[in-house]
Protein backbone atom coordinates (compact mmCIF):
# COMPACT_ATOMS: atom_id res chain seq x y z
CA MET A 1 22.15 -0.20 -1.60
CA LEU A 2 20.12 2.70 -2.93
CA ALA A 3 16.79 1.85 -4.49
CA ALA A 4 17.11 4.76 -6.88
CA LEU A 5 20.39 3.45 -8.28
CA GLY A 6 18.70 0.19 -9.12
CA LEU A 7 15.82 1.92 -10.83
CA ILE A 8 18.20 4.06 -12.87
CA VAL A 9 20.29 1.08 -13.95
CA VAL A 10 17.24 -0.92 -14.93
CA ALA A 11 15.86 1.93 -16.99
CA ALA A 12 19.23 2.58 -18.61
CA THR A 13 19.66 -1.02 -19.68
CA GLN A 14 16.03 -1.35 -20.75
CA ALA A 15 15.82 -4.64 -18.87
CA PRO A 16 12.94 -4.31 -16.39
CA ALA A 17 12.01 -7.37 -14.37
CA ARG A 18 8.93 -9.24 -15.57
CA LYS A 19 6.05 -9.95 -13.26
CA PRO A 20 5.55 -13.68 -12.64
CA GLU A 21 2.61 -15.54 -14.11
CA ILE A 22 0.29 -16.80 -11.40
CA SER A 23 0.24 -20.58 -11.77
CA LEU A 24 -1.19 -21.42 -8.35
CA SER A 25 -4.57 -23.11 -8.15
CA ALA A 26 -4.59 -23.01 -4.34
CA PRO A 27 -2.67 -21.24 -1.53
CA ARG A 28 0.85 -22.48 -0.84
CA ALA A 29 3.08 -22.17 2.24
CA ILE A 30 6.40 -20.39 1.72
CA THR A 31 9.37 -19.46 3.88
CA VAL A 32 10.13 -15.78 4.42
CA ILE A 33 13.55 -14.62 5.65
CA ALA A 34 13.75 -11.32 7.58
CA LYS A 35 16.86 -9.22 8.22
CA GLN A 36 16.97 -6.16 10.47
CA VAL A 37 18.02 -2.94 8.72
CA PRO A 38 18.49 0.61 10.07
CA PHE A 39 16.47 3.56 8.83
CA ASP A 40 19.41 5.97 8.80
CA LEU A 41 22.98 4.62 8.66
CA ASN A 42 24.31 8.00 9.80
CA ALA A 43 21.97 8.29 12.79
CA THR A 44 21.55 4.80 14.18
CA GLU A 45 20.49 6.10 17.63
CA GLN A 46 17.89 8.51 16.25
CA ILE A 47 14.23 7.61 16.72
CA ARG A 48 12.26 10.73 15.72
CA PHE A 49 12.08 11.37 11.99
CA GLY A 50 9.80 14.18 10.95
CA LYS A 51 6.81 13.83 13.29
CA LEU A 52 7.04 10.04 13.59
CA ASP A 53 9.00 7.68 15.83
CA TRP A 54 10.78 4.92 13.91
CA LEU A 55 10.26 1.51 15.53
CA GLY A 56 12.25 -0.74 13.21
CA SER A 57 12.67 -2.06 9.68
CA VAL A 58 13.26 -5.47 8.17
CA GLU A 59 14.19 -6.58 4.70
CA ILE A 60 12.11 -9.62 3.79
CA ARG A 61 12.67 -12.11 0.99
CA SER A 62 11.67 -15.56 -0.16
CA GLU A 63 12.69 -18.04 -2.82
CA SER A 64 9.10 -18.18 -4.04
CA PRO A 65 8.81 -16.51 -7.47
CA LEU A 66 5.44 -15.08 -6.35
CA PHE A 67 7.03 -13.15 -3.50
CA GLY A 68 7.42 -9.42 -4.21
CA GLY A 69 5.72 -6.57 -6.01
CA PHE A 70 3.71 -5.65 -2.92
CA SER A 71 1.44 -2.68 -3.47
CA GLY A 72 -1.34 -3.10 -0.91
CA LEU A 73 -1.19 -3.84 2.81
CA ALA A 74 -3.53 -4.66 5.68
CA ILE A 75 -2.65 -5.34 9.33
CA ASP A 76 -5.07 -6.68 11.93
CA LYS A 77 -5.88 -4.76 15.12
CA THR A 78 -3.28 -6.71 17.12
CA GLY A 79 -0.48 -5.92 14.68
CA THR A 80 0.38 -9.62 14.39
CA ARG A 81 -1.37 -10.60 11.16
CA LEU A 82 -0.39 -9.24 7.77
CA LEU A 83 -2.08 -9.45 4.37
CA ALA A 84 -0.26 -7.95 1.38
CA LEU A 85 -1.24 -7.70 -2.28
CA SER A 86 1.16 -8.11 -5.17
CA ASP A 87 0.57 -6.16 -8.36
CA ALA A 88 1.07 -9.45 -10.18
CA GLY A 89 -2.30 -10.73 -8.90
CA SER A 90 -1.29 -12.71 -5.82
CA TRP A 91 -1.51 -12.23 -2.06
CA LEU A 92 0.73 -12.94 0.93
CA ALA A 93 -0.59 -13.76 4.41
CA ALA A 94 1.77 -14.10 7.37
CA LYS A 95 2.14 -13.76 11.12
CA LEU A 96 4.42 -11.03 12.47
CA VAL A 97 6.68 -11.94 15.38
CA TYR A 98 8.12 -9.13 17.51
CA ARG A 99 11.12 -8.90 19.80
CA GLY A 100 11.79 -5.83 21.91
CA GLY A 101 8.96 -3.96 20.19
CA ARG A 102 10.38 -4.50 16.70
CA ILE A 103 9.39 -6.92 13.96
CA GLU A 104 11.78 -9.86 14.17
CA LYS A 105 10.42 -12.25 11.56
CA LEU A 106 7.44 -13.47 9.54
CA VAL A 107 6.13 -16.98 10.10
CA ASP A 108 3.27 -19.13 8.78
CA ALA A 109 3.56 -17.36 5.42
CA VAL A 110 1.22 -18.37 2.61
CA VAL A 111 0.84 -17.06 -0.94
CA GLY A 112 -2.25 -17.47 -3.07
CA PRO A 113 -3.91 -16.20 -6.27
CA LEU A 114 -6.51 -13.50 -6.73
CA ARG A 115 -9.66 -14.64 -8.54
CA GLY A 116 -12.22 -12.89 -10.68
CA ARG A 117 -16.00 -13.06 -10.44
CA ASP A 118 -15.95 -16.26 -12.47
CA GLY A 119 -13.74 -17.92 -9.85
CA LYS A 120 -10.80 -18.21 -12.23
CA VAL A 121 -7.29 -17.11 -11.31
CA LEU A 122 -6.58 -13.63 -12.66
CA SER A 123 -4.08 -13.78 -15.49
CA GLY A 124 -2.34 -11.23 -17.67
CA GLY A 125 -0.62 -8.12 -16.38
CA LYS A 126 -3.44 -5.69 -17.15
CA ASN A 127 -6.12 -7.83 -15.55
CA ALA A 128 -4.19 -8.72 -12.39
CA ASP A 129 -2.62 -5.39 -11.42
CA SER A 130 -3.98 -5.15 -7.86
CA GLU A 131 -2.87 -2.03 -6.00
CA ALA A 132 -4.70 -1.62 -2.69
CA ILE A 133 -6.78 -3.52 -0.16
CA ALA A 134 -9.10 -2.16 2.53
CA PHE A 135 -11.49 -3.95 4.89
CA ALA A 136 -15.05 -2.88 5.49
CA ARG A 137 -14.58 -3.43 9.24
CA PRO A 138 -11.54 -1.59 10.67
CA GLY A 139 -8.91 -3.69 12.38
CA MET A 140 -9.93 -6.87 10.60
CA ILE A 141 -8.14 -8.93 7.97
CA THR A 142 -11.04 -11.30 7.49
CA GLY A 143 -14.53 -10.51 6.26
CA GLU A 144 -15.50 -8.32 3.33
CA ALA A 145 -12.71 -6.36 1.68
CA TYR A 146 -12.23 -4.03 -1.27
CA ILE A 147 -9.39 -4.45 -3.77
CA SER A 148 -8.55 -1.76 -6.32
CA PHE A 149 -6.96 -2.53 -9.68
CA GLU A 150 -5.35 -0.31 -12.25
CA GLN A 151 -4.89 -0.78 -16.02
CA ARG A 152 -8.27 -2.52 -16.11
CA HIS A 153 -9.64 -0.09 -13.57
CA ARG A 154 -12.07 -1.50 -11.03
CA ILE A 155 -12.75 -2.04 -7.33
CA ALA A 156 -13.66 -5.62 -6.48
CA VAL A 157 -15.51 -6.71 -3.35
CA VAL A 158 -13.99 -9.97 -2.08
CA PRO A 159 -14.47 -12.33 0.87
CA VAL A 160 -11.42 -12.96 3.04
CA THR A 161 -11.17 -15.90 5.44
CA GLN A 162 -8.30 -17.41 7.39
CA LYS A 163 -7.63 -19.47 4.25
CA GLY A 164 -7.07 -16.38 2.12
CA ILE A 165 -8.83 -14.18 -0.43
CA GLY A 166 -11.80 -15.65 -2.30
CA ALA A 167 -13.24 -14.91 -5.73
CA ALA A 168 -14.59 -11.41 -6.35
CA LYS A 169 -18.29 -11.14 -5.53
CA ARG A 170 -18.97 -7.92 -7.43
CA HIS A 171 -17.42 -4.67 -8.66
CA LEU A 172 -18.32 -1.26 -7.29
CA PRO A 173 -19.78 1.30 -9.72
CA LEU A 174 -17.16 3.86 -10.71
CA PRO A 175 -17.41 7.26 -12.42
CA PRO A 176 -16.30 7.42 -16.08
CA ARG A 177 -13.22 9.47 -15.15
CA ALA A 178 -11.92 6.65 -12.93
CA LYS A 179 -12.46 4.05 -15.64
CA ALA A 180 -10.68 6.21 -18.21
CA ALA A 181 -7.52 6.82 -16.17
CA LYS A 182 -4.17 6.36 -17.89
CA GLY A 183 -3.04 2.72 -17.69
CA ASN A 184 -0.74 2.57 -14.66
CA LYS A 185 -1.99 5.80 -13.06
CA GLY A 186 -5.31 4.33 -12.02
CA LEU A 187 -6.94 3.44 -8.70
CA GLU A 188 -3.88 3.25 -6.51
CA ALA A 189 -5.37 3.81 -3.06
CA ILE A 190 -8.64 3.13 -1.22
CA ALA A 191 -9.78 3.67 2.38
CA PRO A 192 -13.14 3.39 4.18
CA LEU A 193 -13.79 6.63 6.08
CA ARG A 194 -14.44 6.25 9.81
CA ALA A 195 -15.44 9.81 10.76
CA GLY A 196 -16.37 13.22 9.39
CA PRO A 197 -19.05 14.27 6.87
CA SER A 198 -18.21 11.33 4.57
CA LYS A 199 -18.19 8.64 7.26
CA GLY A 200 -19.13 5.22 5.87
CA LYS A 201 -18.03 6.00 2.31
CA LEU A 202 -15.04 4.56 0.49
CA LEU A 203 -12.44 7.04 -0.71
CA ALA A 204 -10.63 5.99 -3.89
CA MET A 205 -7.69 7.93 -5.33
CA LEU A 206 -5.81 7.77 -8.60
CA GLN A 207 -2.03 7.46 -8.47
CA GLU A 208 -1.67 10.80 -10.19
CA ASP A 209 -3.21 12.92 -12.91
CA ALA A 210 -2.10 12.60 -16.53
CA ASP A 211 -0.56 16.02 -15.89
CA GLU A 212 1.81 15.04 -13.08
CA GLU A 213 1.77 18.54 -11.62
CA ALA A 214 -2.03 18.69 -11.38
CA ASP A 215 -3.99 17.92 -8.23
CA THR A 216 -4.86 14.22 -7.96
CA ALA A 217 -8.42 13.05 -8.58
CA GLY A 218 -10.40 10.90 -6.18
CA TRP A 219 -13.98 9.89 -5.42
CA LEU A 220 -16.18 9.24 -2.42
CA ILE A 221 -17.99 6.03 -3.29
CA GLY A 222 -21.27 5.13 -1.63
CA GLY A 223 -24.77 6.53 -1.86
CA LYS A 224 -26.51 7.66 -5.02
CA LYS A 225 -23.54 9.23 -6.80
CA PRO A 226 -19.75 9.22 -6.26
CA GLY A 227 -18.57 12.60 -4.98
CA ALA A 228 -15.41 13.97 -6.56
CA VAL A 229 -12.48 15.24 -4.48
CA ARG A 230 -8.92 16.19 -5.28
CA LEU A 231 -5.67 15.85 -3.34
CA LYS A 232 -3.39 18.87 -3.50
CA GLN A 233 -0.28 18.13 -5.54
CA ILE A 234 2.91 19.09 -3.72
CA GLY A 235 6.33 18.59 -5.22
CA GLY A 236 5.50 16.02 -7.89
CA PHE A 237 4.64 13.17 -5.51
CA ALA A 238 2.24 10.40 -6.59
CA VAL A 239 -0.24 8.60 -4.31
CA THR A 240 0.67 4.98 -3.56
CA ASP A 241 -1.70 4.05 -0.71
CA MET A 242 -3.79 5.39 2.16
CA THR A 243 -5.47 4.24 5.35
CA SER A 244 -7.79 5.63 8.03
CA LEU A 245 -6.59 6.24 11.56
CA PRO A 246 -8.67 4.90 14.47
CA GLY A 247 -9.84 8.47 15.16
CA GLY A 248 -10.94 8.93 11.56
CA ASP A 249 -8.23 11.08 9.99
CA LEU A 250 -6.74 9.89 6.72
CA ILE A 251 -3.10 8.89 6.20
CA VAL A 252 -1.79 9.19 2.62
CA LEU A 253 1.44 7.55 1.43
CA GLU A 254 3.13 9.21 -1.56
CA ARG A 255 6.23 8.56 -3.67
CA ARG A 256 8.36 10.63 -6.02
CA PHE A 257 10.96 9.27 -8.45
CA ARG A 258 13.18 11.22 -10.81
CA PHE A 259 16.32 9.91 -12.53
CA SER A 260 18.21 13.00 -11.40
CA GLU A 261 17.37 12.70 -7.72
CA GLY A 262 16.33 9.12 -6.95
CA VAL A 263 13.32 7.99 -4.95
CA LYS A 264 11.50 9.68 -2.07
CA PHE A 265 8.43 8.97 0.01
CA ARG A 266 6.10 11.10 2.08
CA ILE A 267 3.32 10.56 4.61
CA ARG A 268 0.53 13.15 4.88
CA ARG A 269 -2.31 13.33 7.40
CA ILE A 270 -5.71 14.63 6.21
CA LYS A 271 -8.32 15.72 8.76
CA ALA A 272 -11.51 13.66 8.52
CA GLN A 273 -13.70 16.77 8.73
CA THR A 274 -12.25 18.10 5.46
CA VAL A 275 -13.09 15.01 3.39
CA LYS A 276 -16.32 15.83 1.55
CA PRO A 277 -17.52 16.15 -2.06
CA GLY A 278 -15.79 18.95 -3.94
CA ALA A 279 -12.97 19.30 -1.42
CA LEU A 280 -9.33 19.95 -2.23
CA LEU A 281 -7.63 17.75 0.36
CA ASP A 282 -4.39 18.73 2.02
CA GLY A 283 -2.81 18.07 5.36
CA ASP A 284 0.12 17.91 7.71
CA ILE A 285 3.32 16.29 6.41
CA LEU A 286 4.35 13.71 9.02
CA LEU A 287 7.46 12.49 7.22
CA GLU A 288 9.25 13.16 3.97
CA THR A 289 12.55 11.47 3.15
CA ASP A 290 14.77 10.29 0.32
CA ASP A 291 17.09 7.40 -0.46
CA THR A 292 19.95 8.75 1.62
CA ARG A 293 18.03 6.65 4.16
CA GLU A 294 17.16 2.97 3.90
CA ILE A 295 13.99 3.18 1.83
CA ASP A 296 12.77 1.74 -1.45
CA ASN A 297 9.66 2.05 -3.61
CA MET A 298 7.24 2.42 -0.67
CA GLU A 299 3.77 1.39 -1.86
CA GLY A 300 1.56 0.03 0.94
CA ILE A 301 0.53 1.40 4.35
CA ALA A 302 -1.63 0.08 7.19
CA VAL A 303 -2.44 1.12 10.76
CA HIS A 304 -3.09 -0.55 14.12
CA ARG A 305 -2.75 0.21 17.84
CA ASP A 306 -0.19 -1.68 19.90
CA GLY A 307 -0.54 -2.96 23.47
CA ALA A 308 0.58 0.40 24.84
CA GLY A 309 -2.15 2.20 22.92
CA ARG A 310 0.21 3.76 20.38
CA THR A 311 -0.90 4.26 16.78
CA ILE A 312 1.47 2.25 14.57
CA LEU A 313 1.97 2.80 10.84
CA THR A 314 3.36 -0.16 8.88
CA ILE A 315 4.77 0.45 5.39
CA ILE A 316 5.83 -2.06 2.74
CA SER A 317 7.83 -1.55 -0.46
CA ASP A 318 7.28 -2.87 -3.97
CA ASP A 319 10.51 -4.37 -5.31
CA ASN A 320 9.08 -4.60 -8.85
CA PHE A 321 10.34 -8.22 -8.87
CA ASN A 322 13.69 -6.59 -9.48
CA LEU A 323 15.76 -8.61 -7.01
CA ARG A 324 19.10 -7.46 -8.32
CA PHE A 325 18.52 -3.81 -7.50
CA GLN A 326 15.53 -3.50 -5.16
CA ARG A 327 14.27 -4.89 -1.87
CA THR A 328 11.05 -5.61 -0.05
CA LEU A 329 11.22 -3.52 3.10
CA LEU A 330 8.74 -3.60 5.96
CA MET A 331 9.03 -0.72 8.43
CA GLN A 332 7.01 0.65 11.33
CA PHE A 333 6.57 4.10 12.85
CA ALA A 334 4.61 5.28 15.87
CA LEU A 335 2.43 8.35 15.52
CA PRO A 336 2.84 10.22 18.83
CA ASP A 337 -0.09 11.57 20.85
CA GLN A 338 -2.76 9.40 19.24
């Protein structure tokens, strides 16, 4: 099933799926079903795609109405614990089980609500549109984390424990340009920088400029004043997430959708030394593909090292709660020579 076909049909019928209202007052256990899927039906023995080695993909689903819409992703340093954010204002925590080096299933899955500074569950689409999560300490999925929101643009600082995500403690100061971003083209991606001239700062990027062909705006947050950067626009792709590699370089996940051509995604690597105020960021394209392969609306990316020392990229898709036409896919790639 092609994700693009589903998106086209939904748009044509003007019947988009509605995001669920978060009615949870506390975390709740759910069951998640995982099914192995290939990356390329016409090259089932192929491993290398672009500059990455595909390790496996699963389609995951649940009967819980709060399952889906995943836009942000974090993986712990062991690669066995997952925390995903839904753009409906909820979170999913689960344990990843592997077999033969590939994800086999998700167990001990729990969903819960995001909460504002007042401790109340976030409600309403504009207030609860969470897009990205990043932890202050790399390789952790507990401790202090940052969550970016669009529509009502902000970056919340939240505590995360083994029980889930707590109420927001505070919001980071943002430049006026970030607060004034067009509704659903706001703060789509965040990543703490581990190396380079901006080490220790948080990089935040918009999804795309109001002019879709313009370079994408971002800011280095931390210190006296946010420093502006831009990401070079190539081919009409929009930013959907980013993460920092253990060595400090930045990985950017991007998506392009057009009715005439379907959906695509791309992964770019940005050298840490180039990330500084005033920079126009660009980098090596590690992978670019379209929906002739088994992809969907790829929105979240995270990184860890496996037991063999390989750098592993994990990517999750946002099904837009559109179960008839889209899927939640979880796929992993190894980045060679890291």
